[in-house]
Amino acid sequence: MASAVSATRDTASIALFNRGHAGHVFEEVRRSGTKVVIKK
C-alpha cells in the first residue's frame, strides 16, 4: 500500500500549471526530488 500512497503524492495535475501554481509544484520537486505531471 505504501507504493500507492507514494505514487499519489508524487503526481500533480497539469491543471495546477494552467492555474498558475507551477511554482508550488516546483517547490515540491525541490523538496522531494520527484513529481510526475499528468493530464487527467
PDB file of N, CA and C in Angstrom:
ATOM      1  N   MET A   1       0.810  -1.196   0.000  1.00  0.00           N
ATOM      2  CA  MET A   1       0.000   0.000   0.000  1.00  0.00           C
ATOM      3  C   MET A   1       0.854   1.262   0.000  1.00  0.00           C
ATOM      4  N   ALA A   2       2.027   1.183   0.556  1.00  0.00           N
ATOM      5  CA  ALA A   2       2.899   2.359   0.615  1.00  0.00           C
ATOM      6  C   ALA A   2       3.234   2.877  -0.772  1.00  0.00           C
ATOM      7  N   SER A   3       3.387   2.001  -1.748  1.00  0.00           N
ATOM      8  CA  SER A   3       3.723   2.460  -3.089  1.00  0.00           C
ATOM      9  C   SER A   3       2.565   3.224  -3.727  1.00  0.00           C
ATOM     10  N   ALA A   4       1.324   2.851  -3.422  1.00  0.00           N
ATOM     11  CA  ALA A   4       0.171   3.585  -3.943  1.00  0.00           C
ATOM     12  C   ALA A   4       0.125   4.991  -3.351  1.00  0.00           C
ATOM     13  N   VAL A   5       0.413   5.099  -2.073  1.00  0.00           N
ATOM     14  CA  VAL A   5       0.436   6.412  -1.427  1.00  0.00           C
ATOM     15  C   VAL A   5       1.557   7.253  -2.021  1.00  0.00           C
ATOM     16  N   SER A   6       2.703   6.669  -2.228  1.00  0.00           N
ATOM     17  CA  SER A   6       3.835   7.380  -2.814  1.00  0.00           C
ATOM     18  C   SER A   6       3.511   7.843  -4.228  1.00  0.00           C
ATOM     19  N   ALA A   7       2.872   6.990  -5.018  1.00  0.00           N
ATOM     20  CA  ALA A   7       2.519   7.358  -6.386  1.00  0.00           C
ATOM     21  C   ALA A   7       1.557   8.534  -6.402  1.00  0.00           C
ATOM     22  N   THR A   8       0.616   8.559  -5.488  1.00  0.00           N
ATOM     23  CA  THR A   8      -0.338   9.660  -5.410  1.00  0.00           C
ATOM     24  C   THR A   8       0.360  10.944  -4.989  1.00  0.00           C
ATOM     25  N   ARG A   9       1.258  10.843  -4.049  1.00  0.00           N
ATOM     26  CA  ARG A   9       1.973  12.015  -3.542  1.00  0.00           C
ATOM     27  C   ARG A   9       2.932  12.577  -4.600  1.00  0.00           C
ATOM     28  N   ASP A  10       3.441  11.731  -5.475  1.00  0.00           N
ATOM     29  CA  ASP A  10       4.432  12.151  -6.458  1.00  0.00           C
ATOM     30  C   ASP A  10       3.834  12.583  -7.793  1.00  0.00           C
ATOM     31  N   THR A  11       2.528  12.814  -7.842  1.00  0.00           N
ATOM     32  CA  THR A  11       1.895  13.264  -9.071  1.00  0.00           C
ATOM     33  C   THR A  11       1.255  14.633  -8.881  1.00  0.00           C
ATOM     34  N   ALA A  12       1.133  15.345  -9.975  1.00  0.00           N
ATOM     35  CA  ALA A  12       0.458  16.641  -9.988  1.00  0.00           C
ATOM     36  C   ALA A  12      -0.287  16.757 -11.304  1.00  0.00           C
ATOM     37  N   SER A  13      -1.417  17.359 -11.262  1.00  0.00           N
ATOM     38  CA  SER A  13      -2.217  17.559 -12.464  1.00  0.00           C
ATOM     39  C   SER A  13      -1.682  18.745 -13.264  1.00  0.00           C
ATOM     40  N   ILE A  14      -1.757  18.638 -14.582  1.00  0.00           N
ATOM     41  CA  ILE A  14      -1.343  19.750 -15.442  1.00  0.00           C
ATOM     42  C   ILE A  14      -2.221  20.978 -15.181  1.00  0.00           C
ATOM     43  N   ALA A  15      -3.411  20.755 -14.627  1.00  0.00           N
ATOM     44  CA  ALA A  15      -4.302  21.870 -14.303  1.00  0.00           C
ATOM     45  C   ALA A  15      -3.651  22.828 -13.306  1.00  0.00           C
ATOM     46  N   LEU A  16      -2.804  22.310 -12.417  1.00  0.00           N
ATOM     47  CA  LEU A  16      -2.096  23.195 -11.481  1.00  0.00           C
ATOM     48  C   LEU A  16      -1.229  24.194 -12.233  1.00  0.00           C
ATOM     49  N   PHE A  17      -0.561  23.722 -13.285  1.00  0.00           N
ATOM     50  CA  PHE A  17       0.253  24.626 -14.096  1.00  0.00           C
ATOM     51  C   PHE A  17      -0.643  25.644 -14.798  1.00  0.00           C
ATOM     52  N   ASN A  18      -1.742  25.166 -15.350  1.00  0.00           N
ATOM     53  CA  ASN A  18      -2.649  26.044 -16.087  1.00  0.00           C
ATOM     54  C   ASN A  18      -3.303  27.083 -15.191  1.00  0.00           C
ATOM     55  N   ARG A  19      -3.381  26.821 -13.904  1.00  0.00           N
ATOM     56  CA  ARG A  19      -3.988  27.769 -12.954  1.00  0.00           C
ATOM     57  C   ARG A  19      -2.942  28.645 -12.271  1.00  0.00           C
ATOM     58  N   GLY A  20      -1.702  28.566 -12.717  1.00  0.00           N
ATOM     59  CA  GLY A  20      -0.669  29.429 -12.174  1.00  0.00           C
ATOM     60  C   GLY A  20       0.029  28.916 -10.925  1.00  0.00           C
ATOM     61  N   HIS A  21      -0.041  27.609 -10.665  1.00  0.00           N
ATOM     62  CA  HIS A  21       0.577  27.043  -9.467  1.00  0.00           C
ATOM     63  C   HIS A  21       1.867  26.273  -9.774  1.00  0.00           C
ATOM     64  N   ALA A  22       2.495  26.586 -10.874  1.00  0.00           N
ATOM     65  CA  ALA A  22       3.724  25.888 -11.253  1.00  0.00           C
ATOM     66  C   ALA A  22       4.803  26.068 -10.189  1.00  0.00           C
ATOM     67  N   GLY A  23       4.893  27.234  -9.602  1.00  0.00           N
ATOM     68  CA  GLY A  23       5.889  27.479  -8.559  1.00  0.00           C
ATOM     69  C   GLY A  23       5.725  26.545  -7.378  1.00  0.00           C
ATOM     70  N   HIS A  24       4.501  26.267  -7.017  1.00  0.00           N
ATOM     71  CA  HIS A  24       4.228  25.340  -5.912  1.00  0.00           C
ATOM     72  C   HIS A  24       4.689  23.926  -6.282  1.00  0.00           C
ATOM     73  N   VAL A  25       4.416  23.511  -7.509  1.00  0.00           N
ATOM     74  CA  VAL A  25       4.839  22.182  -7.953  1.00  0.00           C
ATOM     75  C   VAL A  25       6.357  22.084  -7.948  1.00  0.00           C
ATOM     76  N   PHE A  26       7.028  23.113  -8.448  1.00  0.00           N
ATOM     77  CA  PHE A  26       8.493  23.085  -8.471  1.00  0.00           C
ATOM     78  C   PHE A  26       9.083  23.111  -7.070  1.00  0.00           C
ATOM     79  N   GLU A  27       8.420  23.771  -6.147  1.00  0.00           N
ATOM     80  CA  GLU A  27       8.876  23.754  -4.747  1.00  0.00           C
ATOM     81  C   GLU A  27       8.788  22.338  -4.184  1.00  0.00           C
ATOM     82  N   GLU A  28       7.725  21.626  -4.505  1.00  0.00           N
ATOM     83  CA  GLU A  28       7.595  20.235  -4.066  1.00  0.00           C
ATOM     84  C   GLU A  28       8.677  19.368  -4.693  1.00  0.00           C
ATOM     85  N   VAL A  29       9.013  19.623  -5.941  1.00  0.00           N
ATOM     86  CA  VAL A  29      10.096  18.867  -6.598  1.00  0.00           C
ATOM     87  C   VAL A  29      11.416  19.126  -5.895  1.00  0.00           C
ATOM     88  N   ARG A  30      11.651  20.376  -5.524  1.00  0.00           N
ATOM     89  CA  ARG A  30      12.902  20.694  -4.829  1.00  0.00           C
ATOM     90  C   ARG A  30      12.989  19.947  -3.500  1.00  0.00           C
ATOM     91  N   ARG A  31      11.855  19.812  -2.787  1.00  0.00           N
ATOM     92  CA  ARG A  31      11.846  19.114  -1.507  1.00  0.00           C
ATOM     93  C   ARG A  31      11.927  17.598  -1.677  1.00  0.00           C
ATOM     94  N   SER A  32      11.145  17.039  -2.594  1.00  0.00           N
ATOM     95  CA  SER A  32      11.050  15.581  -2.702  1.00  0.00           C
ATOM     96  C   SER A  32      11.934  14.981  -3.788  1.00  0.00           C
ATOM     97  N   GLY A  33      12.290  15.784  -4.774  1.00  0.00           N
ATOM     98  CA  GLY A  33      13.138  15.302  -5.862  1.00  0.00           C
ATOM     99  C   GLY A  33      12.389  14.703  -7.044  1.00  0.00           C
ATOM    100  N   THR A  34      11.102  14.438  -6.883  1.00  0.00           N
ATOM    101  CA  THR A  34      10.349  13.804  -7.970  1.00  0.00           C
ATOM    102  C   THR A  34       8.911  14.312  -7.976  1.00  0.00           C
ATOM    103  N   LYS A  35       8.408  14.536  -9.178  1.00  0.00           N
ATOM    104  CA  LYS A  35       6.988  14.858  -9.351  1.00  0.00           C
ATOM    105  C   LYS A  35       6.632  14.502 -10.792  1.00  0.00           C
ATOM    106  N   VAL A  36       5.573  13.768 -10.968  1.00  0.00           N
ATOM    107  CA  VAL A  36       5.090  13.389 -12.292  1.00  0.00           C
ATOM    108  C   VAL A  36       3.865  14.236 -12.579  1.00  0.00           C
ATOM    109  N   VAL A  37       3.894  14.961 -13.711  1.00  0.00           N
ATOM    110  CA  VAL A  37       2.765  15.802 -14.092  1.00  0.00           C
ATOM    111  C   VAL A  37       1.915  15.009 -15.070  1.00  0.00           C
ATOM    112  N   ILE A  38       0.619  14.920 -14.765  1.00  0.00           N
ATOM    113  CA  ILE A  38      -0.281  14.128 -15.599  1.00  0.00           C
ATOM    114  C   ILE A  38      -1.438  14.976 -16.098  1.00  0.00           C
ATOM    115  N   LYS A  39      -1.976  14.560 -17.219  1.00  0.00           N
ATOM    116  CA  LYS A  39      -3.178  15.191 -17.759  1.00  0.00           C
ATOM    117  C   LYS A  39      -4.337  14.268 -17.463  1.00  0.00           C
ATOM    118  N   LYS A  40      -5.334  14.766 -16.765  1.00  0.00           N
ATOM    119  CA  LYS A  40      -6.494  13.955 -16.418  1.00  0.00           C
ATOM    120  C   LYS A  40      -7.606  14.157 -17.393  1.00  0.00           C
TER     121      LYS A  40
END
